[in-house]
Amino acid sequence: MRRNKLAWILVTAALCLVLYTLVVMRSDNKVSVILGGTEGAFIQSDGLTYVDPNSVTETPEPTVDIWPDIDITLNQYRMVNADNLLSVAFEPDVAKISGSNNQLFDVAALPYLEKMLEDCRAAGFTIYVTAAYRSYSYQNNLFNSKASQIAIGMGLTGEKAYLDPQYQEAAEEAKKIVMFPGTSEHQLGLAVDLMDKNYSRLVYENMDQEMFAWLDAHCAEYGFIKRYPTRKLLLTGWDEPWHYRYVGEEAATFIMEHGICYEEFYAHYDPEFKYG
């Protein structure tokens, strides 16, 4: 009888020893895991049961399409660039912008522009519309003037200087500074250059950064986007952080909230779109 009792005690002790060993091993296997990505905030996670939250065990179901349901063929969404030119005959219906020096803007979008300007001034900023609608011929004159200026700098003078093969080089240089006729959004009548009193030097860093911060934070409320932000130069081809384009509130809100440029937005709706 004593032998059976002793054997039972020994078996029980052995089982307890095994259990104790497993607990110790399990405890030693705990690791520190960053909680929520916050530096210094750690929790103890059991290494035997910890599951990597970033691991994928199965293919997820498609997410809901969050892109705006719009008709990209409407004029307000029109893409204008070196690959998508406006014809010389394209002329939008425009009207004078209130308080401007005879600057013109698309009639349908004009109320939204004027309200944005009004609210910007009410917020304490001095804002100027330095460029709005430009006809094809006006843009053509701007471009030719810049090309001629560059050509003169290259030593090409005279009435027929444009016939010189080198003039083409001047024209190519001009394309980097002034948009070629037909490639400017200003011809759409839906784009404006907005600046403060320091606009004459065209140095963005010297302009009122608080004013532009206000515009960037609120422009979508009026249907506008920052069209050529500096950080998107490689996608848009232009660095003009003072240039704002009307695309309607729905598209503008999506673009500005997600920090994308118009090319990125447009490419979603046009699978054949190619970046310049």
Protein backbone atom coordinates (compact mmCIF):
# COMPACT_ATOMS: atom_id res chain seq x y z
CA MET A 1 0.00 0.00 0.00
CA ARG A 2 2.82 2.34 0.95
CA ARG A 3 4.59 1.51 -2.33
CA ASN A 4 1.52 2.49 -4.38
CA LYS A 5 1.17 5.75 -2.46
CA LEU A 6 4.85 6.56 -2.91
CA ALA A 7 4.65 5.83 -6.64
CA TRP A 8 1.65 8.13 -6.96
CA ILE A 9 3.49 10.92 -5.18
CA LEU A 10 6.53 10.51 -7.43
CA VAL A 11 4.40 10.59 -10.61
CA THR A 12 2.58 13.69 -9.37
CA ALA A 13 5.86 15.40 -8.58
CA ALA A 14 7.23 14.57 -12.01
CA LEU A 15 4.15 16.01 -13.71
CA CYS A 16 4.41 19.19 -11.65
CA LEU A 17 8.07 19.53 -12.64
CA VAL A 18 7.20 19.18 -16.33
CA LEU A 19 4.40 21.76 -16.01
CA TYR A 20 6.69 24.18 -14.17
CA THR A 21 9.33 23.81 -16.88
CA LEU A 22 6.79 24.60 -19.64
CA VAL A 23 5.56 27.69 -17.78
CA VAL A 24 9.10 28.98 -17.35
CA MET A 25 9.93 28.36 -21.01
CA ARG A 26 6.73 30.09 -22.09
CA SER A 27 7.44 33.05 -19.85
CA ASP A 28 10.98 33.43 -21.16
CA ASN A 29 9.67 33.45 -24.74
CA LYS A 30 7.79 36.74 -24.34
CA VAL A 31 8.86 39.65 -26.55
CA SER A 32 8.37 43.40 -26.50
CA VAL A 33 6.11 44.67 -29.25
CA ILE A 34 5.58 48.31 -30.19
CA LEU A 35 1.99 49.29 -29.55
CA GLY A 36 0.47 51.54 -32.18
CA GLY A 37 3.86 52.57 -33.52
CA THR A 38 4.43 54.92 -30.61
CA GLU A 39 8.04 55.10 -29.51
CA GLY A 40 8.51 53.80 -25.98
CA ALA A 41 5.03 52.27 -25.73
CA PHE A 42 5.50 48.54 -25.36
CA ILE A 43 3.36 45.58 -24.33
CA GLN A 44 4.41 42.02 -23.50
CA SER A 45 3.27 39.58 -26.12
CA ASP A 46 3.38 35.81 -25.75
CA GLY A 47 5.81 34.61 -28.39
CA LEU A 48 4.07 31.27 -28.70
CA THR A 49 0.72 32.76 -29.64
CA TYR A 50 1.71 36.14 -31.16
CA VAL A 51 0.35 36.67 -34.67
CA ASP A 52 1.90 39.23 -37.02
CA PRO A 53 -0.92 41.74 -37.74
CA ASN A 54 0.65 42.51 -41.12
CA SER A 55 0.68 38.92 -42.31
CA VAL A 56 -1.80 37.87 -45.00
CA THR A 57 -3.38 34.46 -44.63
CA GLU A 58 -5.89 34.78 -47.44
CA THR A 59 -6.72 37.07 -50.33
CA PRO A 60 -8.89 39.95 -49.02
CA GLU A 61 -12.17 40.86 -50.62
CA PRO A 62 -12.06 43.88 -52.96
CA THR A 63 -12.51 47.15 -51.09
CA VAL A 64 -15.31 49.59 -51.85
CA ASP A 65 -14.45 51.98 -54.69
CA ILE A 66 -13.93 55.33 -52.98
CA TRP A 67 -13.25 57.28 -56.18
CA PRO A 68 -15.94 59.85 -57.10
CA ASP A 69 -18.56 58.69 -59.56
CA ILE A 70 -18.10 61.36 -62.23
CA ASP A 71 -18.27 61.77 -65.98
CA ILE A 72 -14.66 62.49 -66.89
CA THR A 73 -15.74 63.67 -70.37
CA LEU A 74 -17.33 66.84 -68.95
CA ASN A 75 -15.46 70.03 -69.77
CA GLN A 76 -14.65 70.81 -66.13
CA TYR A 77 -12.54 67.63 -65.99
CA ARG A 78 -10.81 68.16 -69.31
CA MET A 79 -7.12 67.31 -69.36
CA VAL A 80 -5.02 69.94 -71.10
CA ASN A 81 -1.31 69.34 -71.62
CA ALA A 82 1.27 68.71 -74.35
CA ASP A 83 -0.52 65.49 -75.34
CA ASN A 84 -4.03 66.90 -75.06
CA LEU A 85 -4.14 70.24 -76.85
CA LEU A 86 -7.01 72.65 -77.23
CA SER A 87 -7.71 73.80 -80.77
CA VAL A 88 -7.33 77.37 -81.92
CA ALA A 89 -11.13 77.47 -82.21
CA PHE A 90 -11.80 76.56 -78.58
CA GLU A 91 -13.41 79.53 -76.80
CA PRO A 92 -15.26 79.09 -73.50
CA ASP A 93 -18.14 81.26 -72.31
CA VAL A 94 -16.45 83.70 -69.96
CA ALA A 95 -17.29 86.77 -67.91
CA LYS A 96 -15.34 89.37 -65.93
CA ILE A 97 -14.14 88.47 -62.44
CA SER A 98 -15.45 91.04 -59.97
CA GLY A 99 -12.77 93.36 -58.61
CA SER A 100 -10.19 92.23 -61.15
CA ASN A 101 -8.45 94.15 -63.90
CA ASN A 102 -10.69 92.79 -66.69
CA GLN A 103 -9.73 89.18 -65.94
CA LEU A 104 -12.20 86.65 -67.38
CA PHE A 105 -13.38 83.26 -66.12
CA ASP A 106 -15.79 80.49 -67.11
CA VAL A 107 -19.36 81.74 -66.52
CA ALA A 108 -20.62 78.58 -64.79
CA ALA A 109 -17.67 78.39 -62.39
CA LEU A 110 -17.31 82.13 -61.82
CA PRO A 111 -19.55 82.30 -58.69
CA TYR A 112 -17.38 79.70 -56.95
CA LEU A 113 -14.19 81.61 -57.76
CA GLU A 114 -15.60 84.92 -56.59
CA LYS A 115 -16.86 83.37 -53.34
CA MET A 116 -13.41 81.86 -52.68
CA LEU A 117 -11.74 85.22 -53.28
CA GLU A 118 -14.28 86.98 -51.07
CA ASP A 119 -13.77 84.54 -48.19
CA CYS A 120 -9.99 84.67 -48.57
CA ARG A 121 -10.06 88.44 -48.22
CA ALA A 122 -12.44 88.16 -45.26
CA ALA A 123 -9.86 85.89 -43.62
CA GLY A 124 -7.45 88.83 -43.72
CA PHE A 125 -5.45 88.16 -46.87
CA THR A 126 -4.69 90.38 -49.86
CA ILE A 127 -5.17 88.23 -52.94
CA TYR A 128 -4.80 89.08 -56.62
CA VAL A 129 -5.93 87.29 -59.77
CA THR A 130 -2.86 87.78 -61.94
CA ALA A 131 -3.97 85.52 -64.79
CA ALA A 132 -7.25 83.86 -65.77
CA TYR A 133 -8.67 83.12 -69.24
CA ARG A 134 -6.24 83.43 -72.12
CA SER A 135 -7.22 82.90 -75.73
CA TYR A 136 -5.18 80.69 -78.05
CA SER A 137 -3.83 83.76 -79.86
CA TYR A 138 -2.85 85.43 -76.60
CA GLN A 139 -0.96 82.31 -75.49
CA ASN A 140 0.63 82.12 -78.93
CA ASN A 141 1.93 85.68 -78.57
CA LEU A 142 3.31 84.92 -75.10
CA PHE A 143 5.12 81.87 -76.38
CA ASN A 144 6.56 83.53 -79.50
CA SER A 145 7.75 86.46 -77.43
CA LYS A 146 9.65 84.16 -75.07
CA ALA A 147 11.09 82.12 -77.95
CA SER A 148 12.27 85.30 -79.68
CA GLN A 149 13.83 86.56 -76.46
CA ILE A 150 15.79 83.34 -76.09
CA ALA A 151 16.77 83.39 -79.77
CA ILE A 152 18.16 86.91 -79.44
CA GLY A 153 20.22 85.70 -76.50
CA MET A 154 21.61 83.05 -78.83
CA GLY A 155 22.61 85.72 -81.34
CA LEU A 156 19.69 85.21 -83.73
CA THR A 157 18.37 88.55 -84.91
CA GLY A 158 16.50 89.94 -87.90
CA GLU A 159 13.00 89.52 -89.29
CA LYS A 160 13.70 86.00 -90.57
CA ALA A 161 15.58 84.74 -87.55
CA TYR A 162 12.81 82.19 -86.99
CA LEU A 163 13.92 80.44 -90.21
CA ASP A 164 17.31 79.64 -88.72
CA PRO A 165 17.57 75.98 -87.56
CA GLN A 166 18.84 77.23 -84.22
CA TYR A 167 15.55 78.99 -83.63
CA GLN A 168 13.98 75.59 -83.01
CA GLU A 169 16.34 75.20 -80.08
CA ALA A 170 15.10 78.51 -78.73
CA ALA A 171 11.50 77.34 -79.15
CA GLU A 172 12.22 74.13 -77.23
CA GLU A 173 13.72 76.17 -74.40
CA ALA A 174 10.70 78.44 -74.43
CA LYS A 175 8.42 75.41 -73.90
CA LYS A 176 10.07 74.91 -70.50
CA ILE A 177 9.07 78.40 -69.42
CA VAL A 178 5.85 79.30 -71.24
CA MET A 179 3.19 76.80 -72.21
CA PHE A 180 2.90 76.12 -75.92
CA PRO A 181 -0.34 77.43 -77.47
CA GLY A 182 -3.15 74.94 -76.96
CA THR A 183 -1.52 73.32 -73.92
CA SER A 184 -2.48 75.94 -71.34
CA GLU A 185 -5.38 75.44 -68.94
CA HIS A 186 -5.92 79.18 -69.03
CA GLN A 187 -7.54 78.72 -72.44
CA LEU A 188 -10.16 76.50 -70.74
CA GLY A 189 -11.29 79.48 -68.71
CA LEU A 190 -11.16 77.30 -65.58
CA ALA A 191 -7.72 78.23 -64.25
CA VAL A 192 -6.40 81.22 -62.33
CA ASP A 193 -3.05 82.33 -60.99
CA LEU A 194 -3.57 83.63 -57.45
CA MET A 195 -0.87 85.66 -55.72
CA ASP A 196 -0.31 88.31 -53.09
CA LYS A 197 1.36 91.69 -53.36
CA ASN A 198 4.78 90.08 -53.90
CA TYR A 199 3.69 88.34 -57.10
CA SER A 200 5.77 90.53 -59.44
CA ARG A 201 8.95 88.54 -58.76
CA LEU A 202 7.28 85.13 -59.17
CA VAL A 203 9.23 83.70 -56.25
CA TYR A 204 6.79 81.50 -54.37
CA GLU A 205 8.86 81.37 -51.18
CA ASN A 206 8.65 85.17 -50.93
CA MET A 207 4.87 85.21 -51.21
CA ASP A 208 2.39 85.07 -48.34
CA GLN A 209 2.64 81.44 -47.22
CA GLU A 210 -0.23 81.84 -44.77
CA MET A 211 -2.49 82.89 -47.62
CA PHE A 212 -1.55 79.85 -49.68
CA ALA A 213 -2.01 77.63 -46.63
CA TRP A 214 -5.55 79.03 -46.36
CA LEU A 215 -6.18 78.41 -50.06
CA ASP A 216 -4.86 74.86 -49.91
CA ALA A 217 -7.01 74.13 -46.86
CA HIS A 218 -10.21 75.63 -48.30
CA CYS A 219 -9.99 75.69 -52.11
CA ALA A 220 -11.76 72.33 -52.47
CA GLU A 221 -14.81 73.77 -50.72
CA TYR A 222 -15.23 75.97 -53.79
CA GLY A 223 -14.33 73.26 -56.31
CA PHE A 224 -10.68 74.23 -56.86
CA ILE A 225 -7.41 72.31 -56.63
CA LYS A 226 -3.77 73.34 -56.44
CA ARG A 227 -2.97 72.28 -59.98
CA TYR A 228 0.84 72.29 -60.19
CA PRO A 229 2.28 71.75 -56.68
CA THR A 230 6.06 71.70 -56.50
CA ARG A 231 6.20 68.17 -55.07
CA LYS A 232 4.35 66.81 -58.12
CA LEU A 233 6.64 68.41 -60.72
CA LEU A 234 7.76 65.09 -62.20
CA LEU A 235 4.14 64.10 -62.88
CA THR A 236 2.70 67.42 -64.04
CA GLY A 237 5.77 68.89 -65.72
CA TRP A 238 5.18 72.29 -64.11
CA ASP A 239 6.05 73.99 -60.85
CA GLU A 240 3.37 76.67 -60.39
CA PRO A 241 2.05 76.48 -56.81
CA TRP A 242 -0.02 79.63 -57.38
CA HIS A 243 -2.06 78.04 -60.19
CA TYR A 244 -5.55 76.83 -59.17
CA ARG A 245 -7.98 74.91 -61.36
CA TYR A 246 -11.74 74.44 -61.05
CA VAL A 247 -12.90 70.80 -61.23
CA GLY A 248 -15.99 70.90 -59.02
CA GLU A 249 -16.30 70.28 -55.29
CA GLU A 250 -16.56 66.48 -55.40
CA ALA A 251 -13.39 65.91 -57.43
CA ALA A 252 -11.52 68.75 -55.72
CA THR A 253 -12.26 67.39 -52.25
CA PHE A 254 -11.01 63.94 -53.19
CA ILE A 255 -7.84 65.29 -54.83
CA MET A 256 -6.89 67.66 -52.03
CA GLU A 257 -7.73 65.24 -49.20
CA HIS A 258 -5.65 62.46 -50.75
CA GLY A 259 -2.71 64.70 -51.70
CA ILE A 260 -2.68 63.66 -55.35
CA CYS A 261 -2.24 65.78 -58.46
CA TYR A 262 -4.77 66.02 -61.27
CA GLU A 263 -2.80 63.65 -63.49
CA GLU A 264 -3.07 60.92 -60.86
CA PHE A 265 -6.78 61.57 -60.52
CA TYR A 266 -7.44 61.66 -64.26
CA ALA A 267 -5.45 58.48 -64.93
CA HIS A 268 -7.90 56.53 -62.74
CA TYR A 269 -10.72 57.31 -65.17
CA ASP A 270 -8.73 57.09 -68.40
CA PRO A 271 -6.75 53.83 -68.61
CA GLU A 272 -5.01 55.09 -71.77
CA PHE A 273 -3.72 58.26 -70.15
CA LYS A 274 0.05 58.64 -70.26
CA TYR A 275 2.11 60.93 -68.08
CA GLY A 276 4.13 63.49 -69.98
